[in-house]
Amino acid sequence: GSLRLSCAASGNIRRIYAMAWYRQAPGKQRE
């Protein structure tokens, strides 16, 4: 199947250089 994740940034933001997605499974390091 498929899913679409969204992430909205708010606040005192002039510019965002980069954005990224990480994930962490149980018992594993964030990647």
Full PDB file with SEQRES, HELIX, SHEET, SSBOND, CRYST1, ORIGX, SCALE, CONECT and MASTER records, all heavy atoms in Angstrom:
SEQRES   1 A   31  GLY SER LEU ARG LEU SER CYS ALA ALA SER GLY ASN ILE          
SEQRES   2 A   31  ARG ARG ILE TYR ALA MET ALA TRP TYR ARG GLN ALA PRO          
SEQRES   3 A   31  GLY LYS GLN ARG GLU                                          
CRYST1    1.000    1.000    1.000  90.00  90.00  90.00 P 1           1          
ORIGX1      1.000000  0.000000  0.000000        0.00000                         
ORIGX2      0.000000  1.000000  0.000000        0.00000                         
ORIGX3      0.000000  0.000000  1.000000        0.00000                         
SCALE1      1.000000  0.000000  0.000000        0.00000                         
SCALE2      0.000000  1.000000  0.000000        0.00000                         
SCALE3      0.000000  0.000000  1.000000        0.00000                         
ATOM      1  N   GLY A   1       0.809  -1.211   0.000  1.00  0.00           N  
ATOM      2  CA  GLY A   1       0.000   0.000   0.000  1.00  0.00           C  
ATOM      3  C   GLY A   1       0.842   1.261   0.000  1.00  0.00           C  
ATOM      4  O   GLY A   1       2.079   1.223  -0.070  1.00  0.00           O  
ATOM      5  N   SER A   2       0.141   2.395   0.094  1.00  0.00           N  
ATOM      6  CA  SER A   2       0.791   3.706   0.038  1.00  0.00           C  
ATOM      7  C   SER A   2       0.312   4.601   1.173  1.00  0.00           C  
ATOM      8  O   SER A   2      -0.811   4.459   1.659  1.00  0.00           O  
ATOM      9  CB  SER A   2       0.488   4.395  -1.296  1.00  0.00           C  
ATOM     10  OG  SER A   2       0.977   3.667  -2.398  1.00  0.00           O  
ATOM     11  N   LEU A   3       1.176   5.517   1.559  1.00  0.00           N  
ATOM     12  CA  LEU A   3       0.846   6.569   2.511  1.00  0.00           C  
ATOM     13  C   LEU A   3       1.591   7.826   2.092  1.00  0.00           C  
ATOM     14  O   LEU A   3       2.667   7.749   1.487  1.00  0.00           O  
ATOM     15  CB  LEU A   3       1.263   6.212   3.938  1.00  0.00           C  
ATOM     16  CG  LEU A   3       0.390   5.268   4.750  1.00  0.00           C  
ATOM     17  CD1 LEU A   3       1.070   4.970   6.094  1.00  0.00           C  
ATOM     18  CD2 LEU A   3      -0.988   5.833   4.984  1.00  0.00           C  
ATOM     19  N   ARG A   4       1.025   8.968   2.454  1.00  0.00           N  
ATOM     20  CA  ARG A   4       1.691  10.245   2.211  1.00  0.00           C  
ATOM     21  C   ARG A   4       1.807  10.992   3.534  1.00  0.00           C  
ATOM     22  O   ARG A   4       0.794  11.315   4.159  1.00  0.00           O  
ATOM     23  CB  ARG A   4       0.924  11.083   1.204  1.00  0.00           C  
ATOM     24  CG  ARG A   4       1.666  12.348   0.781  1.00  0.00           C  
ATOM     25  CD  ARG A   4       0.768  13.251  -0.015  1.00  0.00           C  
ATOM     26  NE  ARG A   4       1.489  14.320  -0.705  1.00  0.00           N  
ATOM     27  CZ  ARG A   4       0.997  15.522  -0.928  1.00  0.00           C  
ATOM     28  NH1 ARG A   4      -0.224  15.825  -0.521  1.00  0.00           N  
ATOM     29  NH2 ARG A   4       1.705  16.432  -1.581  1.00  0.00           N  
ATOM     30  N   LEU A   5       3.035  11.242   3.948  1.00  0.00           N  
ATOM     31  CA  LEU A   5       3.299  11.999   5.162  1.00  0.00           C  
ATOM     32  C   LEU A   5       3.503  13.470   4.816  1.00  0.00           C  
ATOM     33  O   LEU A   5       4.045  13.792   3.752  1.00  0.00           O  
ATOM     34  CB  LEU A   5       4.541  11.472   5.870  1.00  0.00           C  
ATOM     35  CG  LEU A   5       4.568   9.983   6.210  1.00  0.00           C  
ATOM     36  CD1 LEU A   5       5.849   9.657   6.977  1.00  0.00           C  
ATOM     37  CD2 LEU A   5       3.359   9.578   6.992  1.00  0.00           C  
ATOM     38  N   SER A   6       3.085  14.323   5.739  1.00  0.00           N  
ATOM     39  CA  SER A   6       3.302  15.761   5.599  1.00  0.00           C  
ATOM     40  C   SER A   6       3.964  16.287   6.861  1.00  0.00           C  
ATOM     41  O   SER A   6       3.751  15.753   7.955  1.00  0.00           O  
ATOM     42  CB  SER A   6       1.982  16.496   5.391  1.00  0.00           C  
ATOM     43  OG  SER A   6       1.315  16.069   4.232  1.00  0.00           O  
ATOM     44  N   CYS A   7       4.747  17.331   6.708  1.00  0.00           N  
ATOM     45  CA  CYS A   7       5.371  17.991   7.851  1.00  0.00           C  
ATOM     46  C   CYS A   7       5.376  19.484   7.585  1.00  0.00           C  
ATOM     47  O   CYS A   7       6.011  19.946   6.631  1.00  0.00           O  
ATOM     48  CB  CYS A   7       6.786  17.488   8.063  1.00  0.00           C  
ATOM     49  SG  CYS A   7       7.700  18.398   9.339  1.00  0.00           S  
ATOM     50  N   ALA A   8       4.664  20.222   8.426  1.00  0.00           N  
ATOM     51  CA  ALA A   8       4.562  21.668   8.266  1.00  0.00           C  
ATOM     52  C   ALA A   8       5.361  22.374   9.344  1.00  0.00           C  
ATOM     53  O   ALA A   8       5.197  22.075  10.531  1.00  0.00           O  
ATOM     54  CB  ALA A   8       3.103  22.098   8.330  1.00  0.00           C  
ATOM     55  N   ALA A   9       6.210  23.294   8.925  1.00  0.00           N  
ATOM     56  CA  ALA A   9       7.001  24.088   9.854  1.00  0.00           C  
ATOM     57  C   ALA A   9       6.349  25.452  10.044  1.00  0.00           C  
ATOM     58  O   ALA A   9       5.869  26.063   9.087  1.00  0.00           O  
ATOM     59  CB  ALA A   9       8.420  24.262   9.332  1.00  0.00           C  
ATOM     60  N   SER A  10       6.343  25.919  11.292  1.00  0.00           N  
ATOM     61  CA  SER A  10       5.762  27.227  11.580  1.00  0.00           C  
ATOM     62  C   SER A  10       6.606  27.944  12.611  1.00  0.00           C  
ATOM     63  O   SER A  10       7.397  27.326  13.323  1.00  0.00           O  
ATOM     64  CB  SER A  10       4.325  27.077  12.080  1.00  0.00           C  
ATOM     65  OG  SER A  10       4.298  26.338  13.287  1.00  0.00           O  
ATOM     66  N   GLY A  11       6.434  29.258  12.704  1.00  0.00           N  
ATOM     67  CA  GLY A  11       7.182  30.038  13.661  1.00  0.00           C  
ATOM     68  C   GLY A  11       8.013  31.104  12.982  1.00  0.00           C  
ATOM     69  O   GLY A  11       7.723  31.536  11.874  1.00  0.00           O  
ATOM     70  N   ASN A  12       9.079  31.517  13.661  1.00  0.00           N  
ATOM     71  CA  ASN A  12       9.936  32.598  13.184  1.00  0.00           C  
ATOM     72  C   ASN A  12      10.924  32.060  12.151  1.00  0.00           C  
ATOM     73  O   ASN A  12      12.095  31.862  12.429  1.00  0.00           O  
ATOM     74  CB  ASN A  12      10.675  33.224  14.367  1.00  0.00           C  
ATOM     75  CG  ASN A  12      11.455  34.451  13.962  1.00  0.00           C  
ATOM     76  OD1 ASN A  12      11.166  35.075  12.943  1.00  0.00           O  
ATOM     77  ND2 ASN A  12      12.463  34.805  14.736  1.00  0.00           N  
ATOM     78  N   ILE A  13      10.433  31.833  10.941  1.00  0.00           N  
ATOM     79  CA  ILE A  13      11.226  31.186   9.898  1.00  0.00           C  
ATOM     80  C   ILE A  13      11.487  32.171   8.775  1.00  0.00           C  
ATOM     81  O   ILE A  13      10.551  32.665   8.145  1.00  0.00           O  
ATOM     82  CB  ILE A  13      10.496  29.947   9.340  1.00  0.00           C  
ATOM     83  CG1 ILE A  13      10.286  28.919  10.447  1.00  0.00           C  
ATOM     84  CG2 ILE A  13      11.301  29.342   8.195  1.00  0.00           C  
ATOM     85  CD1 ILE A  13       9.408  27.767  10.042  1.00  0.00           C  
ATOM     86  N   ARG A  14      12.793  32.446   8.539  1.00  0.00           N  
ATOM     87  CA  ARG A  14      13.151  33.259   7.381  1.00  0.00           C  
ATOM     88  C   ARG A  14      13.341  32.384   6.155  1.00  0.00           C  
ATOM     89  O   ARG A  14      12.928  32.707   5.048  1.00  0.00           O  
ATOM     90  CB  ARG A  14      14.448  34.026   7.642  1.00  0.00           C  
ATOM     91  CG  ARG A  14      14.329  35.305   8.403  1.00  0.00           C  
ATOM     92  CD  ARG A  14      15.643  36.062   8.374  1.00  0.00           C  
ATOM     93  NE  ARG A  14      16.730  35.296   8.969  1.00  0.00           N  
ATOM     94  CZ  ARG A  14      17.791  34.871   8.288  1.00  0.00           C  
ATOM     95  NH1 ARG A  14      17.897  35.089   7.005  1.00  0.00           N  
ATOM     96  NH2 ARG A  14      18.749  34.208   8.908  1.00  0.00           N  
ATOM     97  N   ARG A  15      14.012  31.247   6.407  1.00  0.00           N  
ATOM     98  CA  ARG A  15      14.377  30.386   5.287  1.00  0.00           C  
ATOM     99  C   ARG A  15      14.671  28.995   5.832  1.00  0.00           C  
ATOM    100  O   ARG A  15      15.226  28.864   6.922  1.00  0.00           O  
ATOM    101  CB  ARG A  15      15.613  30.953   4.594  1.00  0.00           C  
ATOM    102  CG  ARG A  15      16.111  30.199   3.391  1.00  0.00           C  
ATOM    103  CD  ARG A  15      17.341  30.908   2.828  1.00  0.00           C  
ATOM    104  NE  ARG A  15      17.973  30.167   1.753  1.00  0.00           N  
ATOM    105  CZ  ARG A  15      19.142  30.494   1.212  1.00  0.00           C  
ATOM    106  NH1 ARG A  15      19.792  31.552   1.643  1.00  0.00           N  
ATOM    107  NH2 ARG A  15      19.652  29.781   0.231  1.00  0.00           N  
ATOM    108  N   ILE A  16      14.312  27.984   5.098  1.00  0.00           N  
ATOM    109  CA  ILE A  16      14.619  26.608   5.477  1.00  0.00           C  
ATOM    110  C   ILE A  16      15.612  26.063   4.458  1.00  0.00           C  
ATOM    111  O   ILE A  16      15.306  25.969   3.269  1.00  0.00           O  
ATOM    112  CB  ILE A  16      13.359  25.724   5.510  1.00  0.00           C  
ATOM    113  CG1 ILE A  16      12.365  26.285   6.535  1.00  0.00           C  
ATOM    114  CG2 ILE A  16      13.746  24.297   5.870  1.00  0.00           C  
ATOM    115  CD1 ILE A  16      11.069  25.506   6.609  1.00  0.00           C  
ATOM    116  N   TYR A  17      16.802  25.725   4.922  1.00  0.00           N  
ATOM    117  CA  TYR A  17      17.837  25.234   4.014  1.00  0.00           C  
ATOM    118  C   TYR A  17      17.520  23.842   3.500  1.00  0.00           C  
ATOM    119  O   TYR A  17      17.712  23.548   2.318  1.00  0.00           O  
ATOM    120  CB  TYR A  17      19.192  25.197   4.713  1.00  0.00           C  
ATOM    121  CG  TYR A  17      19.752  26.541   5.054  1.00  0.00           C  
ATOM    122  CD1 TYR A  17      20.163  26.838   6.346  1.00  0.00           C  
ATOM    123  CD2 TYR A  17      19.894  27.541   4.085  1.00  0.00           C  
ATOM    124  CE1 TYR A  17      20.693  28.082   6.659  1.00  0.00           C  
ATOM    125  CE2 TYR A  17      20.416  28.782   4.391  1.00  0.00           C  
ATOM    126  CZ  TYR A  17      20.811  29.041   5.688  1.00  0.00           C  
ATOM    127  OH  TYR A  17      21.331  30.270   6.002  1.00  0.00           O  
ATOM    128  N   ALA A  18      17.059  22.997   4.370  1.00  0.00           N  
ATOM    129  CA  ALA A  18      16.803  21.614   3.995  1.00  0.00           C  
ATOM    130  C   ALA A  18      15.772  21.018   4.935  1.00  0.00           C  
ATOM    131  O   ALA A  18      15.620  21.463   6.076  1.00  0.00           O  
ATOM    132  CB  ALA A  18      18.095  20.792   4.058  1.00  0.00           C  
ATOM    133  N   MET A  19      15.085  20.017   4.446  1.00  0.00           N  
ATOM    134  CA  MET A  19      14.170  19.259   5.277  1.00  0.00           C  
ATOM    135  C   MET A  19      14.395  17.784   5.002  1.00  0.00           C  
ATOM    136  O   MET A  19      14.809  17.409   3.894  1.00  0.00           O  
ATOM    137  CB  MET A  19      12.715  19.656   5.019  1.00  0.00           C  
ATOM    138  CG  MET A  19      12.419  21.117   5.334  1.00  0.00           C  
ATOM    139  SD  MET A  19      10.671  21.546   5.267  1.00  0.00           S  
ATOM    140  CE  MET A  19      10.114  20.980   6.876  1.00  0.00           C  
ATOM    141  N   ALA A  20      14.141  16.975   5.999  1.00  0.00           N  
ATOM    142  CA  ALA A  20      14.441  15.557   5.860  1.00  0.00           C  
ATOM    143  C   ALA A  20      13.430  14.729   6.635  1.00  0.00           C  
ATOM    144  O   ALA A  20      12.775  15.220   7.555  1.00  0.00           O  
ATOM    145  CB  ALA A  20      15.851  15.263   6.374  1.00  0.00           C  
ATOM    146  N   TRP A  21      13.346  13.481   6.247  1.00  0.00           N  
ATOM    147  CA  TRP A  21      12.555  12.487   6.972  1.00  0.00           C  
ATOM    148  C   TRP A  21      13.509  11.428   7.526  1.00  0.00           C  
ATOM    149  O   TRP A  21      14.374  10.931   6.791  1.00  0.00           O  
ATOM    150  CB  TRP A  21      11.531  11.820   6.062  1.00  0.00           C  
ATOM    151  CG  TRP A  21      10.387  12.696   5.710  1.00  0.00           C  
ATOM    152  CD1 TRP A  21      10.240  13.445   4.574  1.00  0.00           C  
ATOM    153  CD2 TRP A  21       9.221  12.934   6.507  1.00  0.00           C  
ATOM    154  NE1 TRP A  21       9.054  14.136   4.618  1.00  0.00           N  
ATOM    155  CE2 TRP A  21       8.404  13.839   5.785  1.00  0.00           C  
ATOM    156  CE3 TRP A  21       8.773  12.466   7.742  1.00  0.00           C  
ATOM    157  CZ2 TRP A  21       7.179  14.291   6.274  1.00  0.00           C  
ATOM    158  CZ3 TRP A  21       7.556  12.913   8.228  1.00  0.00           C  
ATOM    159  CH2 TRP A  21       6.777  13.817   7.497  1.00  0.00           C  
ATOM    160  N   TYR A  22      13.322  11.112   8.789  1.00  0.00           N  
ATOM    161  CA  TYR A  22      14.026  10.034   9.458  1.00  0.00           C  
ATOM    162  C   TYR A  22      12.981   9.036   9.947  1.00  0.00           C  
ATOM    163  O   TYR A  22      11.789   9.341  10.024  1.00  0.00           O  
ATOM    164  CB  TYR A  22      14.805  10.560  10.666  1.00  0.00           C  
ATOM    165  CG  TYR A  22      16.023  11.379  10.344  1.00  0.00           C  
ATOM    166  CD1 TYR A  22      15.912  12.689   9.874  1.00  0.00           C  
ATOM    167  CD2 TYR A  22      17.307  10.871  10.524  1.00  0.00           C  
ATOM    168  CE1 TYR A  22      17.027  13.449   9.576  1.00  0.00           C  
ATOM    169  CE2 TYR A  22      18.434  11.629  10.243  1.00  0.00           C  
ATOM    170  CZ  TYR A  22      18.280  12.907   9.768  1.00  0.00           C  
ATOM    171  OH  TYR A  22      19.398  13.667   9.492  1.00  0.00           O  
ATOM    172  N   ARG A  23      13.442   7.858  10.315  1.00  0.00           N  
ATOM    173  CA  ARG A  23      12.549   6.889  10.939  1.00  0.00           C  
ATOM    174  C   ARG A  23      13.296   6.100  11.992  1.00  0.00           C  
ATOM    175  O   ARG A  23      14.522   5.936  11.926  1.00  0.00           O  
ATOM    176  CB  ARG A  23      11.919   5.955   9.907  1.00  0.00           C  
ATOM    177  CG  ARG A  23      12.892   5.007   9.233  1.00  0.00           C  
ATOM    178  CD  ARG A  23      12.186   4.230   8.118  1.00  0.00           C  
ATOM    179  NE  ARG A  23      13.075   3.296   7.450  1.00  0.00           N  
ATOM    180  CZ  ARG A  23      12.743   2.597   6.366  1.00  0.00           C  
ATOM    181  NH1 ARG A  23      11.518   2.735   5.834  1.00  0.00           N  
ATOM    182  NH2 ARG A  23      13.598   1.765   5.823  1.00  0.00           N  
ATOM    183  N   GLN A  24      12.537   5.614  12.959  1.00  0.00           N  
ATOM    184  CA  GLN A  24      13.109   4.801  14.029  1.00  0.00           C  
ATOM    185  C   GLN A  24      12.176   3.651  14.333  1.00  0.00           C  
ATOM    186  O   GLN A  24      11.037   3.868  14.766  1.00  0.00           O  
ATOM    187  CB  GLN A  24      13.361   5.640  15.281  1.00  0.00           C  
ATOM    188  CG  GLN A  24      14.129   4.899  16.353  1.00  0.00           C  
ATOM    189  CD  GLN A  24      14.646   5.815  17.440  1.00  0.00           C  
ATOM    190  OE1 GLN A  24      14.181   6.944  17.607  1.00  0.00           O  
ATOM    191  NE2 GLN A  24      15.636   5.355  18.185  1.00  0.00           N  
ATOM    192  N   ALA A  25      12.662   2.453  14.077  1.00  0.00           N  
ATOM    193  CA  ALA A  25      11.913   1.247  14.387  1.00  0.00           C  
ATOM    194  C   ALA A  25      12.250   0.809  15.804  1.00  0.00           C  
ATOM    195  O   ALA A  25      13.311   1.161  16.334  1.00  0.00           O  
ATOM    196  CB  ALA A  25      12.254   0.153  13.388  1.00  0.00           C  
ATOM    197  N   PRO A  26      11.367   0.012  16.443  1.00  0.00           N  
ATOM    198  CA  PRO A  26      11.633  -0.437  17.813  1.00  0.00           C  
ATOM    199  C   PRO A  26      12.970  -1.160  17.915  1.00  0.00           C  
ATOM    200  O   PRO A  26      13.279  -2.046  17.110  1.00  0.00           O  
ATOM    201  CB  PRO A  26      10.465  -1.375  18.096  1.00  0.00           C  
ATOM    202  CG  PRO A  26       9.371  -0.900  17.212  1.00  0.00           C  
ATOM    203  CD  PRO A  26      10.048  -0.429  15.962  1.00  0.00           C  
ATOM    204  N   GLY A  27      13.784  -0.748  18.879  1.00  0.00           N  
ATOM    205  CA  GLY A  27      15.061  -1.396  19.102  1.00  0.00           C  
ATOM    206  C   GLY A  27      16.153  -1.018  18.130  1.00  0.00           C  
ATOM    207  O   GLY A  27      17.254  -1.590  18.183  1.00  0.00           O  
ATOM    208  N   LYS A  28      15.880  -0.072  17.241  1.00  0.00           N  
ATOM    209  CA  LYS A  28      16.872   0.325  16.241  1.00  0.00           C  
ATOM    210  C   LYS A  28      17.181   1.811  16.356  1.00  0.00           C  
ATOM    211  O   LYS A  28      16.416   2.570  16.936  1.00  0.00           O  
ATOM    212  CB  LYS A  28      16.373   0.009  14.829  1.00  0.00           C  
ATOM    213  CG  LYS A  28      16.216  -1.473  14.545  1.00  0.00           C  
ATOM    214  CD  LYS A  28      15.914  -1.716  13.083  1.00  0.00           C  
ATOM    215  CE  LYS A  28      15.839  -3.202  12.785  1.00  0.00           C  
ATOM    216  NZ  LYS A  28      15.569  -3.458  11.341  1.00  0.00           N  
ATOM    217  N   GLN A  29      18.303   2.199  15.768  1.00  0.00           N  
ATOM    218  CA  GLN A  29      18.682   3.609  15.779  1.00  0.00           C  
ATOM    219  C   GLN A  29      17.864   4.381  14.737  1.00  0.00           C  
ATOM    220  O   GLN A  29      17.388   3.810  13.747  1.00  0.00           O  
ATOM    221  CB  GLN A  29      20.173   3.749  15.463  1.00  0.00           C  
ATOM    222  CG  GLN A  29      21.090   3.282  16.578  1.00  0.00           C  
ATOM    223  CD  GLN A  29      22.547   3.625  16.290  1.00  0.00           C  
ATOM    224  OE1 GLN A  29      22.975   3.691  15.152  1.00  0.00           O  
ATOM    225  NE2 GLN A  29      23.314   3.863  17.352  1.00  0.00           N  
ATOM    226  N   ARG A  30      17.727   5.668  14.989  1.00  0.00           N  
ATOM    227  CA  ARG A  30      17.054   6.523  14.023  1.00  0.00           C  
ATOM    228  C   ARG A  30      17.912   6.607  12.758  1.00  0.00           C  
ATOM    229  O   ARG A  30      19.133   6.761  12.828  1.00  0.00           O  
ATOM    230  CB  ARG A  30      16.836   7.919  14.611  1.00  0.00           C  
ATOM    231  CG  ARG A  30      15.913   8.795  13.803  1.00  0.00           C  
ATOM    232  CD  ARG A  30      15.589  10.089  14.548  1.00  0.00           C  
ATOM    233  NE  ARG A  30      14.866   9.831  15.795  1.00  0.00           N  
ATOM    234  CZ  ARG A  30      14.330  10.790  16.545  1.00  0.00           C  
ATOM    235  NH1 ARG A  30      14.405  12.065  16.151  1.00  0.00           N  
ATOM    236  NH2 ARG A  30      13.710  10.489  17.660  1.00  0.00           N  
ATOM    237  N   GLU A  31      17.262   6.476  11.602  1.00  0.00           N  
ATOM    238  CA  GLU A  31      17.998   6.501  10.342  1.00  0.00           C  
ATOM    239  C   GLU A  31      17.386   7.517   9.381  1.00  0.00           C  
ATOM    240  O   GLU A  31      16.187   7.776   9.397  1.00  0.00           O  
ATOM    241  CB  GLU A  31      17.990   5.110   9.683  1.00  0.00           C  
ATOM    242  CG  GLU A  31      16.617   4.619   9.282  1.00  0.00           C  
ATOM    243  CD  GLU A  31      16.670   3.313   8.499  1.00  0.00           C  
ATOM    244  OE1 GLU A  31      17.753   2.845   8.149  1.00  0.00           O  
ATOM    245  OE2 GLU A  31      15.565   2.772   8.228  1.00  0.00           O  
TER     246      GLU A  31                                                      
MASTER        0    0    0    0    0    0    0    6  245    1    0    3          
END                                                                             
